[in-house]
Each structure stands twice: as C-alpha cells, then as structure tokens.
N, C-alpha and C. Protein backbone atom coordinates (compact mmCIF):
# COMPACT_ATOMS: atom_id res chain seq x y z
N MET A 1 -16.19 -6.97 4.76
CA MET A 1 -15.28 -7.22 3.63
C MET A 1 -15.93 -6.73 2.33
N ILE A 2 -15.18 -5.97 1.52
CA ILE A 2 -15.68 -5.49 0.25
C ILE A 2 -15.71 -6.63 -0.75
N ASN A 3 -16.85 -6.80 -1.43
CA ASN A 3 -16.97 -7.96 -2.31
C ASN A 3 -16.29 -7.73 -3.66
N LYS A 4 -16.13 -8.83 -4.38
CA LYS A 4 -15.38 -8.84 -5.64
C LYS A 4 -16.04 -7.99 -6.71
N ASP A 5 -17.37 -8.05 -6.82
CA ASP A 5 -18.07 -7.30 -7.87
C ASP A 5 -17.86 -5.80 -7.70
N TYR A 6 -17.94 -5.33 -6.47
CA TYR A 6 -17.74 -3.91 -6.19
C TYR A 6 -16.33 -3.48 -6.60
N ILE A 7 -15.35 -4.29 -6.25
CA ILE A 7 -13.96 -3.97 -6.57
C ILE A 7 -13.74 -3.97 -8.08
N LEU A 8 -14.36 -4.91 -8.78
CA LEU A 8 -14.22 -4.96 -10.23
C LEU A 8 -14.78 -3.69 -10.87
N ARG A 9 -15.93 -3.24 -10.38
CA ARG A 9 -16.53 -2.00 -10.92
C ARG A 9 -15.64 -0.80 -10.62
N LEU A 10 -15.11 -0.77 -9.40
CA LEU A 10 -14.24 0.33 -9.01
C LEU A 10 -12.96 0.32 -9.83
N ALA A 11 -12.37 -0.86 -10.00
CA ALA A 11 -11.12 -0.99 -10.77
C ALA A 11 -11.34 -0.61 -12.23
N GLU A 12 -12.50 -0.99 -12.79
CA GLU A 12 -12.80 -0.64 -14.18
C GLU A 12 -12.91 0.87 -14.35
N ARG A 13 -13.58 1.51 -13.40
CA ARG A 13 -13.72 2.97 -13.49
C ARG A 13 -12.36 3.65 -13.34
N MET A 14 -11.57 3.17 -12.40
CA MET A 14 -10.22 3.73 -12.23
C MET A 14 -9.39 3.53 -13.50
N GLY A 15 -9.55 2.34 -14.11
CA GLY A 15 -8.81 2.04 -15.34
C GLY A 15 -9.16 3.00 -16.46
N ARG A 16 -10.44 3.34 -16.59
CA ARG A 16 -10.86 4.29 -17.64
C ARG A 16 -10.26 5.66 -17.40
N GLU A 17 -10.26 6.09 -16.15
CA GLU A 17 -9.69 7.41 -15.85
C GLU A 17 -8.18 7.42 -16.07
N LEU A 18 -7.52 6.34 -15.68
CA LEU A 18 -6.07 6.26 -15.88
C LEU A 18 -5.71 6.24 -17.35
N ALA A 19 -6.57 5.64 -18.18
CA ALA A 19 -6.32 5.61 -19.63
C ALA A 19 -6.33 7.03 -20.20
N ILE A 20 -7.25 7.85 -19.70
CA ILE A 20 -7.31 9.25 -20.15
C ILE A 20 -6.04 9.99 -19.74
N ILE A 21 -5.62 9.77 -18.49
CA ILE A 21 -4.40 10.43 -17.99
C ILE A 21 -3.18 9.96 -18.77
N LEU A 22 -3.11 8.66 -19.04
CA LEU A 22 -1.98 8.12 -19.81
C LEU A 22 -1.94 8.72 -21.21
N GLY A 23 -3.13 8.89 -21.83
CA GLY A 23 -3.19 9.49 -23.16
C GLY A 23 -2.65 10.90 -23.16
N LEU A 24 -2.99 11.68 -22.14
CA LEU A 24 -2.47 13.04 -22.04
C LEU A 24 -0.95 13.04 -21.87
N CYS A 25 -0.46 12.11 -21.05
CA CYS A 25 0.99 12.05 -20.80
C CYS A 25 1.76 11.62 -22.05
N LYS A 26 1.18 10.72 -22.83
CA LYS A 26 1.85 10.29 -24.07
C LYS A 26 2.03 11.45 -25.03
N ARG A 27 1.11 12.40 -24.97
CA ARG A 27 1.21 13.60 -25.83
C ARG A 27 1.97 14.72 -25.10
N GLU A 28 2.56 14.34 -23.93
CA GLU A 28 3.35 15.26 -23.11
C GLU A 28 2.53 16.46 -22.63
N LYS A 29 1.25 16.24 -22.43
CA LYS A 29 0.39 17.28 -21.87
C LYS A 29 0.30 17.07 -20.36
N TYR A 30 1.45 17.22 -19.71
CA TYR A 30 1.55 16.89 -18.30
C TYR A 30 0.70 17.81 -17.42
N GLN A 31 0.69 19.10 -17.73
CA GLN A 31 -0.08 20.02 -16.92
C GLN A 31 -1.57 19.72 -17.03
N GLU A 32 -2.02 19.40 -18.23
CA GLU A 32 -3.43 19.03 -18.42
C GLU A 32 -3.75 17.76 -17.63
N ALA A 33 -2.81 16.82 -17.62
CA ALA A 33 -3.02 15.58 -16.87
C ALA A 33 -3.14 15.86 -15.37
N LEU A 34 -2.30 16.76 -14.86
CA LEU A 34 -2.36 17.11 -13.43
C LEU A 34 -3.66 17.82 -13.09
N ILE A 35 -4.13 18.68 -13.98
CA ILE A 35 -5.41 19.36 -13.76
C ILE A 35 -6.56 18.35 -13.78
N TYR A 36 -6.49 17.39 -14.69
CA TYR A 36 -7.52 16.34 -14.77
C TYR A 36 -7.55 15.53 -13.47
N ILE A 37 -6.37 15.18 -12.97
CA ILE A 37 -6.28 14.42 -11.72
C ILE A 37 -6.86 15.24 -10.57
N ASP A 38 -6.52 16.52 -10.52
CA ASP A 38 -7.01 17.38 -9.43
C ASP A 38 -8.53 17.43 -9.43
N ASP A 39 -9.12 17.58 -10.61
CA ASP A 39 -10.58 17.64 -10.72
C ASP A 39 -11.21 16.31 -10.32
N LEU A 40 -10.60 15.21 -10.74
CA LEU A 40 -11.13 13.88 -10.44
C LEU A 40 -11.05 13.59 -8.93
N VAL A 41 -9.93 13.91 -8.33
CA VAL A 41 -9.76 13.67 -6.89
C VAL A 41 -10.76 14.52 -6.10
N LEU A 42 -10.98 15.74 -6.52
CA LEU A 42 -11.93 16.61 -5.83
C LEU A 42 -13.34 16.02 -5.88
N ARG A 43 -13.72 15.49 -7.05
CA ARG A 43 -15.05 14.90 -7.19
C ARG A 43 -15.19 13.61 -6.37
N MET A 44 -14.13 12.83 -6.28
CA MET A 44 -14.20 11.53 -5.63
C MET A 44 -13.99 11.58 -4.12
N SER A 45 -13.29 12.62 -3.66
CA SER A 45 -12.96 12.66 -2.23
C SER A 45 -13.32 13.95 -1.52
N GLY A 46 -13.53 15.02 -2.30
CA GLY A 46 -13.81 16.31 -1.69
C GLY A 46 -12.56 17.09 -1.35
N PHE A 47 -11.40 16.57 -1.72
CA PHE A 47 -10.13 17.24 -1.44
C PHE A 47 -9.42 17.56 -2.75
N THR A 48 -8.68 18.68 -2.75
CA THR A 48 -7.86 18.99 -3.91
C THR A 48 -6.52 18.27 -3.78
N SER A 49 -5.85 18.11 -4.90
CA SER A 49 -4.53 17.47 -4.88
C SER A 49 -3.57 18.25 -4.01
N ARG A 50 -3.66 19.58 -4.07
CA ARG A 50 -2.77 20.42 -3.26
C ARG A 50 -2.96 20.15 -1.77
N SER A 51 -4.21 20.08 -1.33
CA SER A 51 -4.47 19.86 0.10
C SER A 51 -4.04 18.46 0.52
N ILE A 52 -4.23 17.49 -0.35
CA ILE A 52 -3.83 16.11 -0.05
C ILE A 52 -2.33 16.02 0.14
N ASN A 53 -1.58 16.67 -0.74
CA ASN A 53 -0.13 16.61 -0.65
C ASN A 53 0.43 17.47 0.47
N ALA A 54 -0.36 18.43 0.95
CA ALA A 54 0.09 19.28 2.05
C ALA A 54 -0.11 18.61 3.40
N LEU A 55 -1.09 17.70 3.49
CA LEU A 55 -1.39 17.04 4.76
C LEU A 55 -0.45 15.87 5.00
N SER A 56 -0.13 15.62 6.25
CA SER A 56 0.61 14.41 6.60
C SER A 56 -0.31 13.22 6.41
N GLU A 57 0.28 12.01 6.39
CA GLU A 57 -0.53 10.81 6.21
C GLU A 57 -1.58 10.68 7.32
N ASP A 58 -1.17 10.94 8.56
CA ASP A 58 -2.09 10.80 9.69
C ASP A 58 -3.24 11.79 9.60
N LEU A 59 -2.94 13.04 9.28
CA LEU A 59 -4.00 14.05 9.18
C LEU A 59 -4.92 13.76 8.00
N LEU A 60 -4.35 13.27 6.90
CA LEU A 60 -5.17 12.93 5.73
C LEU A 60 -6.14 11.81 6.07
N LEU A 61 -5.65 10.79 6.76
CA LEU A 61 -6.51 9.67 7.14
C LEU A 61 -7.62 10.11 8.10
N LYS A 62 -7.30 11.04 9.00
CA LYS A 62 -8.34 11.58 9.89
C LYS A 62 -9.39 12.33 9.09
N ALA A 63 -8.94 13.09 8.09
CA ALA A 63 -9.88 13.83 7.24
C ALA A 63 -10.75 12.89 6.42
N LEU A 64 -10.22 11.71 6.12
CA LEU A 64 -10.97 10.72 5.34
C LEU A 64 -11.79 9.78 6.22
N SER A 65 -11.84 10.08 7.51
CA SER A 65 -12.53 9.20 8.45
C SER A 65 -13.59 9.95 9.24
N PRO A 66 -14.66 10.42 8.56
CA PRO A 66 -15.74 11.07 9.31
C PRO A 66 -16.37 10.10 10.30
N LEU A 67 -16.61 10.57 11.50
CA LEU A 67 -17.16 9.74 12.58
C LEU A 67 -16.24 8.57 12.92
N GLY A 68 -14.95 8.72 12.56
CA GLY A 68 -13.98 7.69 12.91
C GLY A 68 -13.97 6.48 12.01
N ILE A 69 -14.71 6.52 10.90
CA ILE A 69 -14.76 5.38 9.97
C ILE A 69 -14.12 5.79 8.65
N LEU A 70 -13.08 5.07 8.25
CA LEU A 70 -12.35 5.41 7.03
C LEU A 70 -13.22 5.25 5.79
N ASN A 71 -13.22 6.28 4.93
CA ASN A 71 -13.88 6.19 3.63
C ASN A 71 -12.92 5.46 2.69
N VAL A 72 -13.09 4.14 2.61
CA VAL A 72 -12.14 3.30 1.89
C VAL A 72 -12.11 3.64 0.41
N GLU A 73 -13.27 3.90 -0.19
CA GLU A 73 -13.31 4.20 -1.62
C GLU A 73 -12.53 5.48 -1.93
N ALA A 74 -12.77 6.53 -1.14
CA ALA A 74 -12.03 7.79 -1.34
C ALA A 74 -10.54 7.57 -1.12
N CYS A 75 -10.19 6.75 -0.14
CA CYS A 75 -8.79 6.43 0.15
C CYS A 75 -8.13 5.77 -1.05
N LEU A 76 -8.82 4.82 -1.67
CA LEU A 76 -8.27 4.12 -2.83
C LEU A 76 -8.16 5.04 -4.04
N TRP A 77 -9.17 5.92 -4.23
CA TRP A 77 -9.10 6.87 -5.35
C TRP A 77 -7.89 7.79 -5.20
N ILE A 78 -7.70 8.31 -4.00
CA ILE A 78 -6.56 9.20 -3.77
C ILE A 78 -5.26 8.45 -3.98
N ALA A 79 -5.19 7.22 -3.49
CA ALA A 79 -3.96 6.42 -3.64
C ALA A 79 -3.61 6.22 -5.11
N ILE A 80 -4.60 5.87 -5.92
CA ILE A 80 -4.32 5.60 -7.34
C ILE A 80 -3.95 6.88 -8.08
N MET A 81 -4.57 8.01 -7.69
CA MET A 81 -4.26 9.28 -8.36
C MET A 81 -2.91 9.83 -7.91
N LEU A 82 -2.55 9.61 -6.65
CA LEU A 82 -1.21 10.02 -6.20
C LEU A 82 -0.14 9.24 -6.96
N LYS A 83 -0.39 7.98 -7.19
CA LYS A 83 0.55 7.16 -7.96
C LYS A 83 0.68 7.70 -9.39
N ALA A 84 -0.46 8.09 -9.97
CA ALA A 84 -0.43 8.67 -11.33
C ALA A 84 0.32 9.99 -11.33
N GLU A 85 0.08 10.82 -10.33
CA GLU A 85 0.82 12.08 -10.21
C GLU A 85 2.32 11.82 -10.08
N GLY A 86 2.66 10.84 -9.26
CA GLY A 86 4.07 10.50 -9.09
C GLY A 86 4.72 10.11 -10.40
N GLN A 87 3.99 9.35 -11.22
CA GLN A 87 4.53 8.95 -12.52
C GLN A 87 4.74 10.15 -13.43
N ILE A 88 3.82 11.11 -13.37
CA ILE A 88 3.95 12.31 -14.20
C ILE A 88 5.21 13.09 -13.81
N TYR A 89 5.41 13.27 -12.51
CA TYR A 89 6.60 13.99 -12.07
C TYR A 89 7.88 13.21 -12.36
N GLU A 90 7.80 11.90 -12.25
CA GLU A 90 8.97 11.08 -12.59
C GLU A 90 9.31 11.22 -14.07
N ASP A 91 8.29 11.23 -14.92
CA ASP A 91 8.51 11.39 -16.37
C ASP A 91 9.16 12.72 -16.70
N GLN A 92 8.92 13.70 -15.83
CA GLN A 92 9.51 15.03 -16.06
C GLN A 92 10.85 15.19 -15.33
N GLY A 93 11.31 14.11 -14.69
CA GLY A 93 12.61 14.15 -14.02
C GLY A 93 12.58 14.75 -12.64
N ASN A 94 11.38 14.97 -12.09
CA ASN A 94 11.27 15.55 -10.75
C ASN A 94 11.08 14.42 -9.74
N THR A 95 12.18 13.79 -9.37
CA THR A 95 12.11 12.61 -8.50
C THR A 95 11.72 12.97 -7.07
N ASN A 96 11.99 14.21 -6.65
CA ASN A 96 11.62 14.61 -5.29
C ASN A 96 10.09 14.60 -5.13
N GLU A 97 9.40 15.22 -6.09
CA GLU A 97 7.94 15.26 -6.04
C GLU A 97 7.34 13.87 -6.23
N SER A 98 7.93 13.08 -7.12
CA SER A 98 7.38 11.74 -7.36
C SER A 98 7.56 10.86 -6.13
N TYR A 99 8.68 10.98 -5.44
CA TYR A 99 8.95 10.15 -4.26
C TYR A 99 7.87 10.33 -3.21
N TYR A 100 7.56 11.57 -2.86
CA TYR A 100 6.58 11.81 -1.80
C TYR A 100 5.19 11.34 -2.19
N ARG A 101 4.85 11.43 -3.46
CA ARG A 101 3.54 10.95 -3.90
C ARG A 101 3.49 9.42 -3.88
N TYR A 102 4.55 8.77 -4.30
CA TYR A 102 4.60 7.31 -4.26
C TYR A 102 4.50 6.82 -2.80
N LEU A 103 5.21 7.51 -1.91
CA LEU A 103 5.22 7.11 -0.51
C LEU A 103 3.83 7.23 0.11
N LYS A 104 3.16 8.37 -0.15
CA LYS A 104 1.82 8.58 0.42
C LYS A 104 0.82 7.64 -0.23
N SER A 105 0.97 7.37 -1.51
CA SER A 105 0.09 6.43 -2.21
C SER A 105 0.20 5.04 -1.60
N LEU A 106 1.42 4.59 -1.35
CA LEU A 106 1.63 3.27 -0.74
C LEU A 106 1.00 3.21 0.64
N HIS A 107 1.18 4.26 1.41
CA HIS A 107 0.61 4.31 2.76
C HIS A 107 -0.92 4.18 2.70
N LEU A 108 -1.55 4.88 1.75
CA LEU A 108 -3.01 4.85 1.65
C LEU A 108 -3.51 3.49 1.17
N PHE A 109 -2.84 2.89 0.20
CA PHE A 109 -3.23 1.56 -0.25
C PHE A 109 -3.19 0.56 0.90
N LEU A 110 -2.08 0.55 1.62
CA LEU A 110 -1.92 -0.40 2.72
C LEU A 110 -2.94 -0.15 3.83
N THR A 111 -3.21 1.11 4.12
CA THR A 111 -4.18 1.45 5.16
C THR A 111 -5.59 1.01 4.76
N ALA A 112 -5.95 1.27 3.50
CA ALA A 112 -7.28 0.89 3.02
C ALA A 112 -7.49 -0.62 3.12
N LEU A 113 -6.49 -1.39 2.68
CA LEU A 113 -6.61 -2.85 2.71
C LEU A 113 -6.63 -3.38 4.15
N HIS A 114 -5.94 -2.68 5.04
CA HIS A 114 -5.90 -3.11 6.43
C HIS A 114 -7.23 -2.83 7.13
N HIS A 115 -7.82 -1.67 6.84
CA HIS A 115 -9.07 -1.29 7.49
C HIS A 115 -10.26 -2.07 6.94
N GLU A 116 -10.23 -2.36 5.66
CA GLU A 116 -11.36 -3.02 5.02
C GLU A 116 -10.86 -4.13 4.10
N PRO A 117 -10.68 -5.34 4.64
CA PRO A 117 -10.21 -6.44 3.79
C PRO A 117 -11.07 -6.60 2.54
N ILE A 118 -10.43 -6.85 1.43
CA ILE A 118 -11.11 -6.95 0.15
C ILE A 118 -11.10 -8.40 -0.31
N GLU A 119 -12.26 -8.86 -0.77
CA GLU A 119 -12.41 -10.26 -1.17
C GLU A 119 -11.38 -10.66 -2.21
N ASP A 120 -11.23 -9.84 -3.24
CA ASP A 120 -10.21 -10.10 -4.26
C ASP A 120 -9.34 -8.85 -4.34
N HIS A 121 -8.19 -8.90 -3.68
CA HIS A 121 -7.34 -7.71 -3.58
C HIS A 121 -6.20 -7.72 -4.59
N THR A 122 -6.32 -8.57 -5.62
CA THR A 122 -5.24 -8.72 -6.60
C THR A 122 -4.89 -7.40 -7.26
N GLN A 123 -5.92 -6.65 -7.69
CA GLN A 123 -5.71 -5.39 -8.39
C GLN A 123 -4.86 -4.43 -7.55
N PHE A 124 -5.22 -4.28 -6.29
CA PHE A 124 -4.52 -3.32 -5.45
C PHE A 124 -3.18 -3.86 -4.95
N SER A 125 -3.06 -5.17 -4.85
CA SER A 125 -1.76 -5.76 -4.53
C SER A 125 -0.77 -5.49 -5.66
N THR A 126 -1.27 -5.48 -6.90
CA THR A 126 -0.43 -5.14 -8.05
C THR A 126 0.06 -3.71 -7.95
N GLU A 127 -0.85 -2.80 -7.58
CA GLU A 127 -0.47 -1.39 -7.41
C GLU A 127 0.61 -1.26 -6.34
N ILE A 128 0.46 -2.01 -5.25
CA ILE A 128 1.44 -1.96 -4.16
C ILE A 128 2.79 -2.47 -4.64
N ARG A 129 2.79 -3.57 -5.39
CA ARG A 129 4.06 -4.10 -5.92
C ARG A 129 4.75 -3.08 -6.82
N GLU A 130 3.98 -2.41 -7.66
CA GLU A 130 4.56 -1.41 -8.56
C GLU A 130 5.15 -0.24 -7.78
N LEU A 131 4.46 0.17 -6.73
CA LEU A 131 4.98 1.26 -5.89
C LEU A 131 6.27 0.84 -5.19
N LEU A 132 6.33 -0.40 -4.75
CA LEU A 132 7.55 -0.88 -4.08
C LEU A 132 8.73 -0.90 -5.04
N VAL A 133 8.47 -1.20 -6.30
CA VAL A 133 9.53 -1.13 -7.32
C VAL A 133 10.01 0.31 -7.47
N LYS A 134 9.04 1.24 -7.50
CA LYS A 134 9.39 2.66 -7.62
C LYS A 134 10.24 3.14 -6.45
N LEU A 135 10.00 2.55 -5.27
CA LEU A 135 10.65 3.02 -4.04
C LEU A 135 11.81 2.13 -3.59
N GLU A 136 12.21 1.18 -4.44
CA GLU A 136 13.19 0.18 -4.01
C GLU A 136 14.56 0.78 -3.69
N ASP A 137 14.88 1.95 -4.22
CA ASP A 137 16.18 2.57 -3.95
C ASP A 137 16.16 3.42 -2.67
N TYR A 138 15.01 3.46 -2.01
CA TYR A 138 14.87 4.28 -0.81
C TYR A 138 14.65 3.40 0.41
N GLU A 139 15.07 3.90 1.57
CA GLU A 139 14.77 3.23 2.84
C GLU A 139 13.37 3.66 3.28
N LEU A 140 12.47 2.72 3.41
CA LEU A 140 11.09 3.06 3.77
C LEU A 140 10.99 3.39 5.26
N PRO A 141 10.10 4.31 5.61
CA PRO A 141 9.88 4.61 7.04
C PRO A 141 9.39 3.37 7.79
N ASN A 142 9.64 3.33 9.08
CA ASN A 142 9.27 2.17 9.88
C ASN A 142 7.76 1.92 9.90
N ASN A 143 6.95 3.00 9.89
CA ASN A 143 5.50 2.79 9.91
C ASN A 143 5.03 2.07 8.66
N LEU A 144 5.70 2.34 7.53
CA LEU A 144 5.35 1.64 6.29
C LEU A 144 5.82 0.19 6.34
N LYS A 145 6.97 -0.05 6.94
CA LYS A 145 7.46 -1.43 7.06
C LYS A 145 6.51 -2.26 7.93
N LYS A 146 5.96 -1.64 8.97
CA LYS A 146 5.00 -2.36 9.82
C LYS A 146 3.74 -2.69 9.03
N GLN A 147 3.31 -1.77 8.19
CA GLN A 147 2.13 -2.04 7.36
C GLN A 147 2.44 -3.13 6.33
N LEU A 148 3.64 -3.09 5.79
CA LEU A 148 4.03 -4.11 4.80
C LEU A 148 4.11 -5.50 5.44
N PHE A 149 4.57 -5.54 6.69
CA PHE A 149 4.63 -6.81 7.41
C PHE A 149 3.24 -7.45 7.45
N TRP A 150 2.23 -6.65 7.79
CA TRP A 150 0.85 -7.14 7.81
C TRP A 150 0.41 -7.54 6.40
N HIS A 151 0.69 -6.66 5.42
CA HIS A 151 0.22 -6.90 4.06
C HIS A 151 0.80 -8.18 3.48
N TYR A 152 2.07 -8.41 3.70
CA TYR A 152 2.70 -9.62 3.15
C TYR A 152 2.06 -10.88 3.72
N GLU A 153 1.78 -10.85 5.03
CA GLU A 153 1.11 -12.02 5.61
C GLU A 153 -0.30 -12.16 5.04
N TYR A 154 -1.03 -11.08 4.98
CA TYR A 154 -2.41 -11.07 4.48
C TYR A 154 -2.50 -11.60 3.06
N SER A 155 -1.49 -11.26 2.24
CA SER A 155 -1.51 -11.68 0.84
C SER A 155 -0.76 -12.99 0.61
N GLY A 156 -0.36 -13.67 1.70
CA GLY A 156 0.26 -14.98 1.58
C GLY A 156 1.73 -14.97 1.19
N GLN A 157 2.39 -13.83 1.33
CA GLN A 157 3.82 -13.73 0.99
C GLN A 157 4.62 -13.85 2.30
N TYR A 158 4.67 -15.07 2.82
CA TYR A 158 5.20 -15.28 4.17
C TYR A 158 6.70 -15.03 4.27
N ALA A 159 7.45 -15.38 3.25
CA ALA A 159 8.89 -15.14 3.28
C ALA A 159 9.18 -13.64 3.32
N LYS A 160 8.44 -12.86 2.54
CA LYS A 160 8.63 -11.41 2.55
C LYS A 160 8.19 -10.82 3.89
N ALA A 161 7.14 -11.39 4.47
CA ALA A 161 6.70 -10.92 5.78
C ALA A 161 7.81 -11.13 6.81
N GLU A 162 8.44 -12.29 6.78
CA GLU A 162 9.53 -12.57 7.72
C GLU A 162 10.70 -11.62 7.48
N ASP A 163 11.05 -11.40 6.21
CA ASP A 163 12.15 -10.47 5.91
C ASP A 163 11.87 -9.09 6.50
N THR A 164 10.63 -8.64 6.34
CA THR A 164 10.26 -7.31 6.86
C THR A 164 10.28 -7.29 8.37
N LEU A 165 9.82 -8.38 8.99
CA LEU A 165 9.86 -8.49 10.45
C LEU A 165 11.28 -8.33 10.97
N PHE A 166 12.23 -9.01 10.34
CA PHE A 166 13.61 -8.96 10.84
C PHE A 166 14.30 -7.64 10.48
N GLU A 167 13.83 -6.96 9.44
CA GLU A 167 14.31 -5.60 9.18
C GLU A 167 13.91 -4.69 10.33
N LEU A 168 12.66 -4.84 10.78
CA LEU A 168 12.18 -4.03 11.91
C LEU A 168 12.94 -4.36 13.19
N LEU A 169 13.20 -5.64 13.41
CA LEU A 169 13.91 -6.05 14.63
C LEU A 169 15.37 -5.62 14.60
N GLU A 170 15.92 -5.52 13.41
CA GLU A 170 17.31 -5.05 13.30
C GLU A 170 17.41 -3.58 13.72
N ILE A 171 16.35 -2.82 13.40
CA ILE A 171 16.33 -1.41 13.78
C ILE A 171 15.94 -1.25 15.25
N HIS A 172 15.01 -2.10 15.70
CA HIS A 172 14.52 -2.02 17.08
C HIS A 172 14.67 -3.39 17.75
N PRO A 173 15.89 -3.78 18.09
CA PRO A 173 16.14 -5.15 18.57
C PRO A 173 15.49 -5.49 19.91
N VAL A 174 15.14 -4.48 20.71
CA VAL A 174 14.55 -4.78 22.02
C VAL A 174 13.08 -4.33 22.09
N ASP A 175 12.49 -4.09 20.95
CA ASP A 175 11.08 -3.66 20.91
C ASP A 175 10.20 -4.87 21.19
N GLN A 176 9.61 -4.92 22.37
CA GLN A 176 8.83 -6.08 22.78
C GLN A 176 7.54 -6.22 21.95
N GLU A 177 6.99 -5.10 21.52
CA GLU A 177 5.76 -5.15 20.72
C GLU A 177 6.03 -5.85 19.38
N ILE A 178 7.13 -5.48 18.71
CA ILE A 178 7.47 -6.11 17.44
C ILE A 178 7.77 -7.59 17.65
N GLN A 179 8.49 -7.91 18.74
CA GLN A 179 8.78 -9.31 19.03
C GLN A 179 7.49 -10.11 19.25
N ALA A 180 6.54 -9.51 19.98
CA ALA A 180 5.26 -10.19 20.23
C ALA A 180 4.49 -10.38 18.93
N GLN A 181 4.52 -9.38 18.07
CA GLN A 181 3.85 -9.51 16.77
C GLN A 181 4.51 -10.61 15.93
N GLY A 182 5.82 -10.71 16.05
CA GLY A 182 6.54 -11.75 15.31
C GLY A 182 6.17 -13.14 15.79
N ILE A 183 6.11 -13.33 17.09
CA ILE A 183 5.75 -14.64 17.64
C ILE A 183 4.32 -15.00 17.24
N ALA A 184 3.40 -14.00 17.30
CA ALA A 184 2.01 -14.24 16.90
C ALA A 184 1.94 -14.61 15.42
N PHE A 185 2.79 -13.97 14.60
CA PHE A 185 2.86 -14.27 13.17
C PHE A 185 3.25 -15.73 12.95
N TYR A 186 4.29 -16.18 13.62
CA TYR A 186 4.74 -17.57 13.44
C TYR A 186 3.69 -18.56 13.95
N LYS A 187 3.01 -18.21 15.03
CA LYS A 187 1.98 -19.10 15.55
C LYS A 187 0.82 -19.23 14.56
N ARG A 188 0.50 -18.14 13.89
CA ARG A 188 -0.55 -18.21 12.85
C ARG A 188 -0.10 -19.09 11.69
N LEU A 189 1.18 -19.01 11.38
CA LEU A 189 1.70 -19.83 10.28
C LEU A 189 1.67 -21.32 10.64
N LEU A 190 1.81 -21.63 11.93
CA LEU A 190 1.77 -23.03 12.34
C LEU A 190 0.41 -23.67 12.02
N ALA A 191 -0.62 -22.85 11.95
CA ALA A 191 -1.95 -23.36 11.65
C ALA A 191 -2.18 -23.54 10.15
N LYS A 192 -1.23 -23.07 9.33
CA LYS A 192 -1.35 -23.20 7.88
C LYS A 192 -0.93 -24.60 7.44
N SER A 193 -1.44 -25.01 6.29
CA SER A 193 -1.01 -26.30 5.72
C SER A 193 0.37 -26.15 5.11
N ASP A 194 1.05 -27.28 4.90
CA ASP A 194 2.37 -27.24 4.26
C ASP A 194 2.27 -26.64 2.86
N ALA A 195 1.16 -26.92 2.18
CA ALA A 195 0.98 -26.39 0.82
C ALA A 195 0.87 -24.87 0.84
N ASP A 196 0.12 -24.32 1.82
CA ASP A 196 -0.01 -22.87 1.94
C ASP A 196 1.34 -22.23 2.23
N LEU A 197 2.10 -22.84 3.12
CA LEU A 197 3.42 -22.31 3.45
C LEU A 197 4.34 -22.33 2.24
N GLN A 198 4.27 -23.40 1.49
CA GLN A 198 5.13 -23.52 0.31
C GLN A 198 4.76 -22.46 -0.73
N THR A 199 3.46 -22.19 -0.88
CA THR A 199 3.01 -21.15 -1.81
C THR A 199 3.58 -19.79 -1.40
N GLY A 200 3.69 -19.59 -0.09
CA GLY A 200 4.27 -18.35 0.42
C GLY A 200 5.77 -18.38 0.54
N GLN A 201 6.41 -19.37 -0.13
CA GLN A 201 7.86 -19.54 -0.13
C GLN A 201 8.40 -19.70 1.30
N PHE A 202 7.70 -20.55 2.04
CA PHE A 202 8.07 -20.78 3.43
C PHE A 202 7.93 -22.26 3.75
N SER A 203 8.40 -22.66 4.93
CA SER A 203 8.28 -24.07 5.33
C SER A 203 8.00 -24.14 6.82
N ARG A 204 7.52 -25.29 7.27
CA ARG A 204 7.23 -25.46 8.69
C ARG A 204 8.51 -25.38 9.53
N LEU A 205 9.61 -25.88 8.97
CA LEU A 205 10.89 -25.80 9.68
C LEU A 205 11.28 -24.34 9.91
N GLU A 206 11.08 -23.49 8.92
CA GLU A 206 11.42 -22.08 9.06
C GLU A 206 10.53 -21.41 10.10
N VAL A 207 9.29 -21.86 10.21
CA VAL A 207 8.40 -21.32 11.24
C VAL A 207 8.97 -21.61 12.63
N HIS A 208 9.35 -22.87 12.86
CA HIS A 208 9.90 -23.24 14.16
C HIS A 208 11.23 -22.51 14.43
N GLU A 209 12.03 -22.38 13.40
CA GLU A 209 13.31 -21.67 13.57
C GLU A 209 13.06 -20.20 13.91
N GLY A 210 12.06 -19.60 13.28
CA GLY A 210 11.73 -18.19 13.55
C GLY A 210 11.29 -17.98 14.98
N ILE A 211 10.39 -18.86 15.45
CA ILE A 211 9.91 -18.74 16.84
C ILE A 211 11.08 -18.90 17.81
N ALA A 212 11.94 -19.88 17.54
CA ALA A 212 13.08 -20.12 18.43
C ALA A 212 14.01 -18.90 18.46
N GLN A 213 14.20 -18.28 17.31
CA GLN A 213 15.09 -17.14 17.24
C GLN A 213 14.52 -15.95 18.04
N LEU A 214 13.22 -15.75 17.96
CA LEU A 214 12.61 -14.64 18.70
C LEU A 214 12.60 -14.91 20.20
N LEU A 215 12.39 -16.17 20.58
CA LEU A 215 12.35 -16.51 22.00
C LEU A 215 13.74 -16.54 22.62
C-alpha cells in the first residue's frame, strides 16, 4: 500500500505542474499547454502523448508494466495529464478528442488504485469524480463499469456500488461471474457495522434484499 506522505508529495508536484498548464490555458495558449504536457509525460513515463493516445488501454497498461508489475506512479501521471489534455480540447470545443482522453484517464486512475491501494486516496477519488461528471452524458463501457463497481466499494460508496452492479446485471442478466461478484459484495457488507453502511448510504436490510434478489 502506498503511504500518505508519498501521495501528498506526488499530489503536490502534480498540482504545481497543473497550475502551469492552467496558466497557459487562461491565456489561451493551448498549443503551448499541449507541448508542455507532452514533455512532462515523456519525462515521467517515457512515452509521448501521441503514443499514449494511439495505444489501447490494455496495450498501454502492458507497456507500463515491465516484468508484469504496473508502474503506478507513471500510470497516475499519465492519468492526470490525459485529464488535463481532455480539458484543453473541451475548452476548444473538440468534444471527440476530450471524450477519449477522459475515458482513458478514468481507466488509468481506476487501474492504478486497484493494483496498488493507497492509504489516503482522497485526491485521486476527487479526480475520478470529476471525470465521471465529464462523462455523465455518455454510456460507459462495461469494463469501466466493472472497475467502478470495485472502486465504489473500496471508497465506501456502497449505494453507488450496488447501482453499478445492477447496471451490469441489466446488460448481462445471466452472467454468473457478475452474479457471484455481487453476492460476494453483499457478504462483505454484512461484516460492516451499521454506521459504516449508513455512511455509504446503505442499510443492513438492503444488503439482505440484495442477496435475496441475486439468489
């Protein structure tokens, strides 16, 4: 698990770089901002922005996983810079380019948090929430919904986790793997205190109702 001090240092550095990018965008120097992002991503990950956007999510993650171990820091840097690129294209009215960057950014954030749990993930959970707002008018791919199902449970958002679970089941009503994951989810919730469930906008009655519905 990545500790809090490390994440604070990483978040502070990312914040400084984002402030520079925001300053360029405020002066409408969008091309300069994109060049700055490209240079920063190359230094932090070894990949250019062009190559990152050309690769599929799966191939990008393989490239970021030498010896089969994900480089979480590089993954987070790319995720935050893709989000910044998406905002630049959105500001210029290019929603097609912004959409794909937001989508890939969300995928990388969720993957990084799943592979390497972070002691204090508040900063990156905020980034994920902002990306979900950006993408709220779009139907998310199923692989992202599966990642969100995990993320919502991990971050204590149990009601949202259940909503996502039933979205998946609506699309794949006879998928035994999703059903098994759902039952395991409810069983984990049974071990939570009533206070924890309430914080996640859930109740013990809803847990029992969920299990009954899946069975």
